[in-house]
Amino acid sequence: MADGFEVEKSPRDPTRVLMALIAVAVVLSVGVVGYVVYDSAQEHTTSATDPIEMGDVVTLNYIGMFSDGRVFDTSLLDVASDDVLYPKSLTFTLRDNESYVPFDMTAGKYGVEGGTIKGFALGVLGLTMGDTHTIEVPPEDGYAVDPSMVETVQVTEHLNATEIMPESTFNTLFNIEPVVMDFVPHFKWKWDVLVVEVSMGLVTFKHAPTIGQVVYPFGDPFDDEDPAGWACVVESFDPGASDGAGEVVVRHVVTETDVYAIKGVMYTGQPFILSGYDSANETFEIHKSNPETGYNGELSGRTLYFKVTIVFVRPAT
């Protein structure tokens, strides 16, 4: 009531009322959803400054190297494909491009439980997201040595010039059936042997090298794409030694500088690395690998370095 007149009220528009109610509901819903998302994020992410703790799931890139800088493994394609800036180890193998992706691991867990070596799993602890750091892994926290895969060889070997083996073994090793008085290349040493007798399932043959002859029983060191092995020189051959059995003396042309610088392959096809040299005892050591099990003689028992860059961290649940 004003000045004796009653103000006329206009009727409410039901459509506008409905739209207002919907707007309020949307605002409330967004607020609730925003809170839930924020709360969930607080539970399942970590700050970029939080140090990595035991059990955190870590995504990272890495370059695995020896002390001389040679790369034996990496998660980065540009590193894997660049042999100039990143020289490779003897057993480095280039994989499919699609396999070069950041690596996921569980910090602090190693072996069967964690899927990586102890020194690597412990080495990421305390790092933070975005960090780049080089982890040094001592031999005891790296890849363990299998003693059965290590063999000591005399630099100068004395070999029996006469061998006897089952005929079935001869057929397998020489890839030919024995014929008496035939010369065939030895399956390992490559020089000729003479088949002298085939009797009662056994084959007897005599080595027939030439003094001064150079052979390459462990691969071709002159192969530009994949050099392997080294020269062996026949220093003497005495067919009458050891009561007629004969003796061959062969010298391996290797030195201390060849340690972890030469790889080779046995006549059985098993790869190995020249892993040691003892000048006092005139011996050297080879460390075999097993591609089927993943055992690598070049990595086992050595200090390793991993340059890692932390990409992402998911805290332990």
C-alpha atoms as a PDB file:
ATOM      1  CA  MET A   1       0.000   0.000   0.000  1.00  0.00           C
ATOM      2  CA  ALA A   2       1.424   3.393  -1.085  1.00  0.00           C
ATOM      3  CA  ASP A   3      -0.333   6.745  -1.445  1.00  0.00           C
ATOM      4  CA  GLY A   4      -3.588   4.860  -1.209  1.00  0.00           C
ATOM      5  CA  PHE A   5      -2.816   2.687  -4.195  1.00  0.00           C
ATOM      6  CA  GLU A   6      -2.110  -1.085  -4.101  1.00  0.00           C
ATOM      7  CA  VAL A   7       0.911  -2.134  -6.120  1.00  0.00           C
ATOM      8  CA  GLU A   8       0.012  -4.760  -8.652  1.00  0.00           C
ATOM      9  CA  LYS A   9       2.226  -7.854  -8.457  1.00  0.00           C
ATOM     10  CA  SER A  10       3.141  -9.520 -11.739  1.00  0.00           C
ATOM     11  CA  PRO A  11       2.737 -13.322 -11.799  1.00  0.00           C
ATOM     12  CA  ARG A  12       5.919 -15.476 -11.480  1.00  0.00           C
ATOM     13  CA  ASP A  13       7.362 -17.024 -14.624  1.00  0.00           C
ATOM     14  CA  PRO A  14       7.640 -20.808 -13.901  1.00  0.00           C
ATOM     15  CA  THR A  15      10.298 -21.283 -16.614  1.00  0.00           C
ATOM     16  CA  ARG A  16      12.617 -18.754 -15.005  1.00  0.00           C
ATOM     17  CA  VAL A  17      12.163 -20.361 -11.624  1.00  0.00           C
ATOM     18  CA  LEU A  18      13.039 -23.779 -13.031  1.00  0.00           C
ATOM     19  CA  MET A  19      16.153 -22.441 -14.746  1.00  0.00           C
ATOM     20  CA  ALA A  20      17.286 -20.794 -11.524  1.00  0.00           C
ATOM     21  CA  LEU A  21      16.899 -24.029  -9.613  1.00  0.00           C
ATOM     22  CA  ILE A  22      18.890 -25.924 -12.273  1.00  0.00           C
ATOM     23  CA  ALA A  23      21.668 -23.335 -12.109  1.00  0.00           C
ATOM     24  CA  VAL A  24      21.907 -23.711  -8.340  1.00  0.00           C
ATOM     25  CA  ALA A  25      22.016 -27.492  -8.668  1.00  0.00           C
ATOM     26  CA  VAL A  26      24.819 -27.297 -11.268  1.00  0.00           C
ATOM     27  CA  VAL A  27      26.894 -25.008  -9.065  1.00  0.00           C
ATOM     28  CA  LEU A  28      26.487 -27.351  -6.108  1.00  0.00           C
ATOM     29  CA  SER A  29      27.348 -30.393  -8.250  1.00  0.00           C
ATOM     30  CA  VAL A  30      30.486 -28.778  -9.644  1.00  0.00           C
ATOM     31  CA  GLY A  31      31.574 -27.907  -6.153  1.00  0.00           C
ATOM     32  CA  VAL A  32      31.083 -31.466  -4.915  1.00  0.00           C
ATOM     33  CA  VAL A  33      32.822 -33.011  -7.938  1.00  0.00           C
ATOM     34  CA  GLY A  34      35.680 -30.522  -7.646  1.00  0.00           C
ATOM     35  CA  TYR A  35      36.162 -31.453  -4.023  1.00  0.00           C
ATOM     36  CA  VAL A  36      36.140 -35.180  -4.801  1.00  0.00           C
ATOM     37  CA  VAL A  37      38.676 -34.759  -7.626  1.00  0.00           C
ATOM     38  CA  TYR A  38      40.890 -32.562  -5.460  1.00  0.00           C
ATOM     39  CA  ASP A  39      40.648 -34.974  -2.543  1.00  0.00           C
ATOM     40  CA  SER A  40      41.431 -37.956  -4.804  1.00  0.00           C
ATOM     41  CA  ALA A  41      44.408 -36.147  -6.303  1.00  0.00           C
ATOM     42  CA  GLN A  42      45.765 -35.496  -2.835  1.00  0.00           C
ATOM     43  CA  GLU A  43      45.623 -39.228  -2.130  1.00  0.00           C
ATOM     44  CA  HIS A  44      47.170 -40.561  -5.365  1.00  0.00           C
ATOM     45  CA  THR A  45      49.797 -38.055  -6.526  1.00  0.00           C
ATOM     46  CA  THR A  46      52.931 -36.671  -5.014  1.00  0.00           C
ATOM     47  CA  SER A  47      54.505 -33.252  -5.010  1.00  0.00           C
ATOM     48  CA  ALA A  48      57.409 -32.656  -7.401  1.00  0.00           C
ATOM     49  CA  THR A  49      59.541 -31.855  -4.371  1.00  0.00           C
ATOM     50  CA  ASP A  50      58.690 -34.957  -2.337  1.00  0.00           C
ATOM     51  CA  PRO A  51      61.639 -37.403  -2.153  1.00  0.00           C
ATOM     52  CA  ILE A  52      61.065 -40.889  -3.532  1.00  0.00           C
ATOM     53  CA  GLU A  53      60.345 -43.384  -0.775  1.00  0.00           C
ATOM     54  CA  MET A  54      60.320 -47.158  -0.475  1.00  0.00           C
ATOM     55  CA  GLY A  55      57.443 -48.631  -2.475  1.00  0.00           C
ATOM     56  CA  ASP A  56      56.817 -45.595  -4.684  1.00  0.00           C
ATOM     57  CA  VAL A  57      56.197 -46.452  -8.329  1.00  0.00           C
ATOM     58  CA  VAL A  58      58.731 -44.520 -10.370  1.00  0.00           C
ATOM     59  CA  THR A  59      58.692 -43.795 -14.098  1.00  0.00           C
ATOM     60  CA  LEU A  60      62.114 -42.826 -15.413  1.00  0.00           C
ATOM     61  CA  ASN A  61      64.458 -42.763 -18.375  1.00  0.00           C
ATOM     62  CA  TYR A  62      67.908 -44.281 -18.008  1.00  0.00           C
ATOM     63  CA  ILE A  63      71.257 -44.797 -19.712  1.00  0.00           C
ATOM     64  CA  GLY A  64      73.239 -47.791 -18.433  1.00  0.00           C
ATOM     65  CA  MET A  65      77.005 -47.357 -18.825  1.00  0.00           C
ATOM     66  CA  PHE A  66      80.385 -48.748 -17.814  1.00  0.00           C
ATOM     67  CA  SER A  67      83.061 -46.553 -16.255  1.00  0.00           C
ATOM     68  CA  ASP A  68      84.492 -45.763 -19.699  1.00  0.00           C
ATOM     69  CA  GLY A  69      81.139 -44.377 -20.875  1.00  0.00           C
ATOM     70  CA  ARG A  70      80.172 -47.237 -23.169  1.00  0.00           C
ATOM     71  CA  VAL A  71      76.399 -47.774 -23.125  1.00  0.00           C
ATOM     72  CA  PHE A  72      75.062 -51.287 -22.521  1.00  0.00           C
ATOM     73  CA  ASP A  73      71.344 -50.412 -22.281  1.00  0.00           C
ATOM     74  CA  THR A  74      68.992 -47.420 -22.395  1.00  0.00           C
ATOM     75  CA  SER A  75      65.333 -46.457 -22.528  1.00  0.00           C
ATOM     76  CA  LEU A  76      66.037 -43.615 -24.976  1.00  0.00           C
ATOM     77  CA  LEU A  77      65.901 -44.203 -28.727  1.00  0.00           C
ATOM     78  CA  ASP A  78      68.143 -41.232 -29.565  1.00  0.00           C
ATOM     79  CA  VAL A  79      70.838 -42.677 -27.288  1.00  0.00           C
ATOM     80  CA  ALA A  80      70.430 -46.210 -28.629  1.00  0.00           C
ATOM     81  CA  SER A  81      70.713 -45.087 -32.262  1.00  0.00           C
ATOM     82  CA  ASP A  82      73.690 -42.715 -31.819  1.00  0.00           C
ATOM     83  CA  ASP A  83      77.005 -44.588 -31.737  1.00  0.00           C
ATOM     84  CA  VAL A  84      79.098 -41.430 -32.061  1.00  0.00           C
ATOM     85  CA  LEU A  85      78.017 -39.568 -28.940  1.00  0.00           C
ATOM     86  CA  TYR A  86      77.095 -42.787 -27.151  1.00  0.00           C
ATOM     87  CA  PRO A  87      79.575 -45.597 -27.987  1.00  0.00           C
ATOM     88  CA  LYS A  88      78.174 -49.007 -27.241  1.00  0.00           C
ATOM     89  CA  SER A  89      79.353 -51.981 -25.237  1.00  0.00           C
ATOM     90  CA  LEU A  90      80.271 -55.305 -26.852  1.00  0.00           C
ATOM     91  CA  THR A  91      76.894 -56.898 -26.104  1.00  0.00           C
ATOM     92  CA  PHE A  92      74.655 -53.876 -26.761  1.00  0.00           C
ATOM     93  CA  THR A  93      71.727 -54.837 -29.002  1.00  0.00           C
ATOM     94  CA  LEU A  94      69.507 -52.322 -30.811  1.00  0.00           C
ATOM     95  CA  ARG A  95      65.848 -53.160 -30.168  1.00  0.00           C
ATOM     96  CA  ASP A  96      62.656 -52.224 -31.998  1.00  0.00           C
ATOM     97  CA  ASN A  97      62.008 -48.472 -31.862  1.00  0.00           C
ATOM     98  CA  GLU A  98      58.715 -48.991 -30.037  1.00  0.00           C
ATOM     99  CA  SER A  99      60.491 -50.595 -27.078  1.00  0.00           C
ATOM    100  CA  TYR A 100      62.327 -47.385 -26.160  1.00  0.00           C
ATOM    101  CA  VAL A 101      59.930 -45.953 -23.580  1.00  0.00           C
ATOM    102  CA  PRO A 102      60.293 -44.758 -19.975  1.00  0.00           C
ATOM    103  CA  PHE A 103      60.854 -47.556 -17.484  1.00  0.00           C
ATOM    104  CA  ASP A 104      58.502 -48.264 -14.561  1.00  0.00           C
ATOM    105  CA  MET A 105      59.964 -49.637 -11.343  1.00  0.00           C
ATOM    106  CA  THR A 106      59.156 -49.881  -7.649  1.00  0.00           C
ATOM    107  CA  ALA A 107      61.616 -47.923  -5.544  1.00  0.00           C
ATOM    108  CA  GLY A 108      63.565 -49.983  -3.038  1.00  0.00           C
ATOM    109  CA  LYS A 109      62.305 -53.350  -4.288  1.00  0.00           C
ATOM    110  CA  TYR A 110      64.603 -55.579  -6.298  1.00  0.00           C
ATOM    111  CA  GLY A 111      65.068 -59.122  -7.530  1.00  0.00           C
ATOM    112  CA  VAL A 112      61.928 -61.149  -8.167  1.00  0.00           C
ATOM    113  CA  GLU A 113      59.809 -58.696  -6.181  1.00  0.00           C
ATOM    114  CA  GLY A 114      60.995 -55.536  -7.882  1.00  0.00           C
ATOM    115  CA  GLY A 115      62.225 -56.719 -11.266  1.00  0.00           C
ATOM    116  CA  THR A 116      65.543 -54.873 -11.172  1.00  0.00           C
ATOM    117  CA  ILE A 117      68.942 -55.070  -9.470  1.00  0.00           C
ATOM    118  CA  LYS A 118      69.462 -53.982  -5.873  1.00  0.00           C
ATOM    119  CA  GLY A 119      71.731 -50.995  -6.547  1.00  0.00           C
ATOM    120  CA  PHE A 120      69.305 -49.549  -9.095  1.00  0.00           C
ATOM    121  CA  ALA A 121      66.239 -50.037  -6.895  1.00  0.00           C
ATOM    122  CA  LEU A 122      67.895 -48.389  -3.887  1.00  0.00           C
ATOM    123  CA  GLY A 123      69.626 -45.712  -5.953  1.00  0.00           C
ATOM    124  CA  VAL A 124      66.412 -43.829  -6.788  1.00  0.00           C
ATOM    125  CA  LEU A 125      65.445 -43.377  -3.123  1.00  0.00           C
ATOM    126  CA  GLY A 126      65.598 -39.733  -2.099  1.00  0.00           C
ATOM    127  CA  LEU A 127      65.434 -38.382  -5.653  1.00  0.00           C
ATOM    128  CA  THR A 128      62.532 -36.181  -6.721  1.00  0.00           C
ATOM    129  CA  MET A 129      60.450 -35.751  -9.843  1.00  0.00           C
ATOM    130  CA  GLY A 130      62.509 -34.089 -12.582  1.00  0.00           C
ATOM    131  CA  ASP A 131      65.868 -35.022 -11.064  1.00  0.00           C
ATOM    132  CA  THR A 132      68.711 -36.264 -13.285  1.00  0.00           C
ATOM    133  CA  HIS A 133      71.235 -38.302 -11.331  1.00  0.00           C
ATOM    134  CA  THR A 134      73.902 -40.958 -11.961  1.00  0.00           C
ATOM    135  CA  ILE A 135      73.570 -44.047  -9.789  1.00  0.00           C
ATOM    136  CA  GLU A 136      76.740 -46.058  -9.175  1.00  0.00           C
ATOM    137  CA  VAL A 137      76.012 -49.743  -8.650  1.00  0.00           C
ATOM    138  CA  PRO A 138      78.881 -51.750  -7.109  1.00  0.00           C
ATOM    139  CA  PRO A 139      79.344 -55.391  -8.212  1.00  0.00           C
ATOM    140  CA  GLU A 140      77.734 -56.808  -5.072  1.00  0.00           C
ATOM    141  CA  ASP A 141      74.542 -54.823  -5.759  1.00  0.00           C
ATOM    142  CA  GLY A 142      74.501 -55.494  -9.491  1.00  0.00           C
ATOM    143  CA  TYR A 143      74.424 -58.700 -11.524  1.00  0.00           C
ATOM    144  CA  ALA A 144      75.822 -61.707  -9.654  1.00  0.00           C
ATOM    145  CA  VAL A 145      78.499 -63.902 -11.219  1.00  0.00           C
ATOM    146  CA  ASP A 146      77.698 -67.522 -12.052  1.00  0.00           C
ATOM    147  CA  PRO A 147      81.054 -69.313 -11.544  1.00  0.00           C
ATOM    148  CA  SER A 148      80.072 -72.023 -14.017  1.00  0.00           C
ATOM    149  CA  MET A 149      80.082 -69.377 -16.764  1.00  0.00           C
ATOM    150  CA  VAL A 150      83.687 -68.329 -16.134  1.00  0.00           C
ATOM    151  CA  GLU A 151      86.602 -70.245 -17.673  1.00  0.00           C
ATOM    152  CA  THR A 152      90.367 -69.787 -17.336  1.00  0.00           C
ATOM    153  CA  VAL A 153      92.509 -70.504 -20.414  1.00  0.00           C
ATOM    154  CA  GLN A 154      96.274 -70.775 -20.807  1.00  0.00           C
ATOM    155  CA  VAL A 155      97.735 -68.156 -23.141  1.00  0.00           C
ATOM    156  CA  THR A 156      99.869 -70.981 -24.549  1.00  0.00           C
ATOM    157  CA  GLU A 157      97.830 -74.175 -24.885  1.00  0.00           C
ATOM    158  CA  HIS A 158      99.270 -77.670 -25.270  1.00  0.00           C
ATOM    159  CA  LEU A 159      96.867 -79.903 -27.175  1.00  0.00           C
ATOM    160  CA  ASN A 160      96.874 -83.631 -27.816  1.00  0.00           C
ATOM    161  CA  ALA A 161      97.404 -84.189 -31.513  1.00  0.00           C
ATOM    162  CA  THR A 162      95.285 -87.367 -31.461  1.00  0.00           C
ATOM    163  CA  GLU A 163      91.577 -87.386 -30.565  1.00  0.00           C
ATOM    164  CA  ILE A 164      89.052 -90.192 -30.217  1.00  0.00           C
ATOM    165  CA  MET A 165      85.307 -89.537 -30.057  1.00  0.00           C
ATOM    166  CA  PRO A 166      82.010 -91.326 -30.742  1.00  0.00           C
ATOM    167  CA  GLU A 167      81.066 -91.375 -34.405  1.00  0.00           C
ATOM    168  CA  SER A 168      77.759 -89.620 -33.660  1.00  0.00           C
ATOM    169  CA  THR A 169      79.652 -86.781 -31.963  1.00  0.00           C
ATOM    170  CA  PHE A 170      82.048 -86.530 -34.905  1.00  0.00           C
ATOM    171  CA  ASN A 171      79.110 -86.287 -37.324  1.00  0.00           C
ATOM    172  CA  THR A 172      77.567 -83.471 -35.256  1.00  0.00           C
ATOM    173  CA  LEU A 173      80.739 -81.445 -34.697  1.00  0.00           C
ATOM    174  CA  PHE A 174      82.256 -81.804 -38.146  1.00  0.00           C
ATOM    175  CA  ASN A 175      78.918 -81.909 -39.978  1.00  0.00           C
ATOM    176  CA  ILE A 176      80.224 -84.795 -42.083  1.00  0.00           C
ATOM    177  CA  GLU A 177      80.538 -88.562 -41.857  1.00  0.00           C
ATOM    178  CA  PRO A 178      84.111 -89.771 -41.216  1.00  0.00           C
ATOM    179  CA  VAL A 179      86.030 -91.422 -44.031  1.00  0.00           C
ATOM    180  CA  VAL A 180      89.414 -92.995 -43.287  1.00  0.00           C
ATOM    181  CA  MET A 181      92.348 -91.025 -44.741  1.00  0.00           C
ATOM    182  CA  ASP A 182      90.188 -87.960 -45.398  1.00  0.00           C
ATOM    183  CA  PHE A 183      91.346 -84.499 -44.303  1.00  0.00           C
ATOM    184  CA  VAL A 184      88.630 -82.280 -42.813  1.00  0.00           C
ATOM    185  CA  PRO A 185      88.808 -78.879 -41.023  1.00  0.00           C
ATOM    186  CA  HIS A 186      88.695 -79.123 -37.242  1.00  0.00           C
ATOM    187  CA  PHE A 187      85.367 -77.861 -35.862  1.00  0.00           C
ATOM    188  CA  LYS A 188      87.111 -75.433 -33.476  1.00  0.00           C
ATOM    189  CA  TRP A 189      90.701 -74.809 -34.547  1.00  0.00           C
ATOM    190  CA  LYS A 190      89.983 -74.792 -38.295  1.00  0.00           C
ATOM    191  CA  TRP A 191      93.246 -76.498 -39.253  1.00  0.00           C
ATOM    192  CA  ASP A 192      93.047 -79.901 -40.985  1.00  0.00           C
ATOM    193  CA  VAL A 193      92.711 -83.207 -39.173  1.00  0.00           C
ATOM    194  CA  LEU A 194      93.261 -86.643 -40.713  1.00  0.00           C
ATOM    195  CA  VAL A 195      90.748 -89.424 -40.026  1.00  0.00           C
ATOM    196  CA  VAL A 196      92.883 -92.500 -39.310  1.00  0.00           C
ATOM    197  CA  GLU A 197      90.354 -95.023 -38.000  1.00  0.00           C
ATOM    198  CA  VAL A 198      86.603 -95.629 -37.751  1.00  0.00           C
ATOM    199  CA  SER A 199      85.858 -98.694 -35.635  1.00  0.00           C
ATOM    200  CA  MET A 200      83.206 -99.896 -33.185  1.00  0.00           C
ATOM    201  CA  GLY A 201      81.379 -96.576 -33.221  1.00  0.00           C
ATOM    202  CA  LEU A 202      84.525 -94.551 -32.505  1.00  0.00           C
ATOM    203  CA  VAL A 203      86.481 -92.187 -34.731  1.00  0.00           C
ATOM    204  CA  THR A 204      90.212 -91.564 -34.332  1.00  0.00           C
ATOM    205  CA  PHE A 205      91.745 -88.539 -36.012  1.00  0.00           C
ATOM    206  CA  LYS A 206      95.061 -86.686 -35.879  1.00  0.00           C
ATOM    207  CA  HIS A 207      95.591 -82.945 -35.991  1.00  0.00           C
ATOM    208  CA  ALA A 208      97.694 -81.756 -38.914  1.00  0.00           C
ATOM    209  CA  PRO A 209      98.413 -78.029 -38.487  1.00  0.00           C
ATOM    210  CA  THR A 210     101.306 -76.119 -40.000  1.00  0.00           C
ATOM    211  CA  ILE A 211     103.858 -74.441 -37.743  1.00  0.00           C
ATOM    212  CA  GLY A 212     103.239 -70.682 -37.913  1.00  0.00           C
ATOM    213  CA  GLN A 213      99.672 -71.166 -39.109  1.00  0.00           C
ATOM    214  CA  VAL A 214      97.258 -68.473 -37.866  1.00  0.00           C
ATOM    215  CA  VAL A 215      93.676 -69.497 -37.093  1.00  0.00           C
ATOM    216  CA  TYR A 216      90.616 -67.709 -35.719  1.00  0.00           C
ATOM    217  CA  PRO A 217      88.582 -70.197 -33.668  1.00  0.00           C
ATOM    218  CA  PHE A 218      86.336 -67.645 -31.905  1.00  0.00           C
ATOM    219  CA  GLY A 219      85.117 -65.391 -34.698  1.00  0.00           C
ATOM    220  CA  ASP A 220      86.390 -62.962 -37.308  1.00  0.00           C
ATOM    221  CA  PRO A 221      88.173 -59.931 -35.792  1.00  0.00           C
ATOM    222  CA  PHE A 222      88.248 -58.285 -39.227  1.00  0.00           C
ATOM    223  CA  ASP A 223      84.477 -58.205 -39.641  1.00  0.00           C
ATOM    224  CA  ASP A 224      83.637 -54.481 -39.899  1.00  0.00           C
ATOM    225  CA  GLU A 225      80.055 -54.924 -38.698  1.00  0.00           C
ATOM    226  CA  ASP A 226      80.551 -57.422 -35.881  1.00  0.00           C
ATOM    227  CA  PRO A 227      84.217 -58.178 -35.061  1.00  0.00           C
ATOM    228  CA  ALA A 228      84.847 -61.105 -32.722  1.00  0.00           C
ATOM    229  CA  GLY A 229      87.637 -63.388 -31.602  1.00  0.00           C
ATOM    230  CA  TRP A 230      91.398 -63.104 -31.980  1.00  0.00           C
ATOM    231  CA  ALA A 231      94.318 -64.753 -33.738  1.00  0.00           C
ATOM    232  CA  CYS A 232      95.853 -68.014 -32.512  1.00  0.00           C
ATOM    233  CA  VAL A 233      99.282 -69.038 -33.776  1.00  0.00           C
ATOM    234  CA  VAL A 234     100.591 -72.602 -34.061  1.00  0.00           C
ATOM    235  CA  GLU A 235     103.969 -72.369 -32.325  1.00  0.00           C
ATOM    236  CA  SER A 236     104.967 -76.020 -32.641  1.00  0.00           C
ATOM    237  CA  PHE A 237     103.696 -79.374 -33.838  1.00  0.00           C
ATOM    238  CA  ASP A 238     105.373 -82.631 -32.833  1.00  0.00           C
ATOM    239  CA  PRO A 239     103.567 -85.706 -34.247  1.00  0.00           C
ATOM    240  CA  GLY A 240     105.845 -88.068 -32.286  1.00  0.00           C
ATOM    241  CA  ALA A 241     105.456 -86.541 -28.832  1.00  0.00           C
ATOM    242  CA  SER A 242     103.715 -88.414 -25.988  1.00  0.00           C
ATOM    243  CA  ASP A 243     104.598 -91.852 -27.371  1.00  0.00           C
ATOM    244  CA  GLY A 244     103.272 -91.093 -30.815  1.00  0.00           C
ATOM    245  CA  ALA A 245     100.071 -89.325 -29.779  1.00  0.00           C
ATOM    246  CA  GLY A 246     101.604 -86.006 -30.803  1.00  0.00           C
ATOM    247  CA  GLU A 247     101.314 -82.485 -29.420  1.00  0.00           C
ATOM    248  CA  VAL A 248     100.247 -79.116 -30.820  1.00  0.00           C
ATOM    249  CA  VAL A 249     101.284 -75.897 -29.059  1.00  0.00           C
ATOM    250  CA  VAL A 250      99.111 -72.898 -29.901  1.00  0.00           C
ATOM    251  CA  ARG A 251      99.426 -69.364 -28.561  1.00  0.00           C
ATOM    252  CA  HIS A 252      96.469 -66.998 -28.114  1.00  0.00           C
ATOM    253  CA  VAL A 253      97.382 -63.501 -29.291  1.00  0.00           C
ATOM    254  CA  VAL A 254      95.716 -61.573 -26.452  1.00  0.00           C
ATOM    255  CA  THR A 255      96.974 -59.023 -23.928  1.00  0.00           C
ATOM    256  CA  GLU A 256      95.715 -57.203 -20.853  1.00  0.00           C
ATOM    257  CA  THR A 257      94.394 -54.366 -23.025  1.00  0.00           C
ATOM    258  CA  ASP A 258      91.911 -56.821 -24.569  1.00  0.00           C
ATOM    259  CA  VAL A 259      90.027 -57.293 -21.273  1.00  0.00           C
ATOM    260  CA  TYR A 260      86.385 -56.295 -21.883  1.00  0.00           C
ATOM    261  CA  ALA A 261      87.430 -55.123 -25.338  1.00  0.00           C
ATOM    262  CA  ILE A 262      86.977 -58.419 -27.232  1.00  0.00           C
ATOM    263  CA  LYS A 263      84.029 -60.741 -27.531  1.00  0.00           C
ATOM    264  CA  GLY A 264      83.925 -64.178 -29.089  1.00  0.00           C
ATOM    265  CA  VAL A 265      81.737 -67.186 -29.742  1.00  0.00           C
ATOM    266  CA  MET A 266      82.416 -70.824 -28.873  1.00  0.00           C
ATOM    267  CA  TYR A 267      82.105 -73.504 -31.534  1.00  0.00           C
ATOM    268  CA  THR A 268      78.848 -74.439 -29.786  1.00  0.00           C
ATOM    269  CA  GLY A 269      77.481 -70.974 -30.571  1.00  0.00           C
ATOM    270  CA  GLN A 270      77.724 -69.672 -27.005  1.00  0.00           C
ATOM    271  CA  PRO A 271      78.897 -66.038 -26.830  1.00  0.00           C
ATOM    272  CA  PHE A 272      81.467 -64.807 -24.323  1.00  0.00           C
ATOM    273  CA  ILE A 273      83.586 -61.827 -23.307  1.00  0.00           C
ATOM    274  CA  LEU A 274      87.335 -61.796 -22.647  1.00  0.00           C
ATOM    275  CA  SER A 275      87.016 -60.699 -19.017  1.00  0.00           C
ATOM    276  CA  GLY A 276      90.441 -61.078 -17.403  1.00  0.00           C
ATOM    277  CA  TYR A 277      94.179 -61.433 -17.964  1.00  0.00           C
ATOM    278  CA  ASP A 278      96.845 -62.724 -15.568  1.00  0.00           C
ATOM    279  CA  SER A 279     100.323 -61.978 -16.872  1.00  0.00           C
ATOM    280  CA  ALA A 280     102.016 -63.669 -13.897  1.00  0.00           C
ATOM    281  CA  ASN A 281     100.342 -67.016 -14.573  1.00  0.00           C
ATOM    282  CA  GLU A 282     100.058 -66.465 -18.338  1.00  0.00           C
ATOM    283  CA  THR A 283      96.326 -67.093 -18.362  1.00  0.00           C
ATOM    284  CA  PHE A 284      93.253 -65.201 -19.460  1.00  0.00           C
ATOM    285  CA  GLU A 285      89.593 -65.473 -18.515  1.00  0.00           C
ATOM    286  CA  ILE A 286      86.442 -65.702 -20.580  1.00  0.00           C
ATOM    287  CA  HIS A 287      82.971 -64.996 -19.210  1.00  0.00           C
ATOM    288  CA  LYS A 288      80.183 -66.736 -21.098  1.00  0.00           C
ATOM    289  CA  SER A 289      76.654 -65.436 -21.672  1.00  0.00           C
ATOM    290  CA  ASN A 290      73.335 -67.233 -22.021  1.00  0.00           C
ATOM    291  CA  PRO A 291      70.883 -65.344 -24.263  1.00  0.00           C
ATOM    292  CA  GLU A 292      68.059 -67.718 -23.313  1.00  0.00           C
ATOM    293  CA  THR A 293      68.191 -66.861 -19.602  1.00  0.00           C
ATOM    294  CA  GLY A 294      69.420 -63.296 -20.048  1.00  0.00           C
ATOM    295  CA  TYR A 295      72.696 -63.958 -18.220  1.00  0.00           C
ATOM    296  CA  ASN A 296      75.290 -61.513 -19.562  1.00  0.00           C
ATOM    297  CA  GLY A 297      78.983 -62.108 -18.924  1.00  0.00           C
ATOM    298  CA  GLU A 298      79.823 -58.524 -19.826  1.00  0.00           C
ATOM    299  CA  LEU A 299      77.624 -57.107 -17.024  1.00  0.00           C
ATOM    300  CA  SER A 300      78.011 -59.699 -14.291  1.00  0.00           C
ATOM    301  CA  GLY A 301      80.362 -58.834 -11.447  1.00  0.00           C
ATOM    302  CA  ARG A 302      81.106 -55.292 -12.673  1.00  0.00           C
ATOM    303  CA  THR A 303      80.490 -51.770 -11.406  1.00  0.00           C
ATOM    304  CA  LEU A 304      77.654 -50.221 -13.406  1.00  0.00           C
ATOM    305  CA  TYR A 305      76.450 -46.643 -13.820  1.00  0.00           C
ATOM    306  CA  PHE A 306      72.881 -45.578 -14.550  1.00  0.00           C
ATOM    307  CA  LYS A 307      72.108 -41.987 -15.529  1.00  0.00           C
ATOM    308  CA  VAL A 308      68.433 -41.619 -14.636  1.00  0.00           C
ATOM    309  CA  THR A 309      65.881 -38.856 -15.143  1.00  0.00           C
ATOM    310  CA  ILE A 310      62.773 -39.124 -12.962  1.00  0.00           C
ATOM    311  CA  VAL A 311      59.669 -38.560 -15.109  1.00  0.00           C
ATOM    312  CA  PHE A 312      56.859 -39.314 -12.679  1.00  0.00           C
ATOM    313  CA  VAL A 313      56.319 -40.696  -9.185  1.00  0.00           C
ATOM    314  CA  ARG A 314      53.227 -42.424  -7.809  1.00  0.00           C
ATOM    315  CA  PRO A 315      53.366 -42.834  -4.048  1.00  0.00           C
ATOM    316  CA  ALA A 316      53.050 -46.253  -2.459  1.00  0.00           C
ATOM    317  CA  THR A 317      49.487 -47.208  -1.604  1.00  0.00           C
END
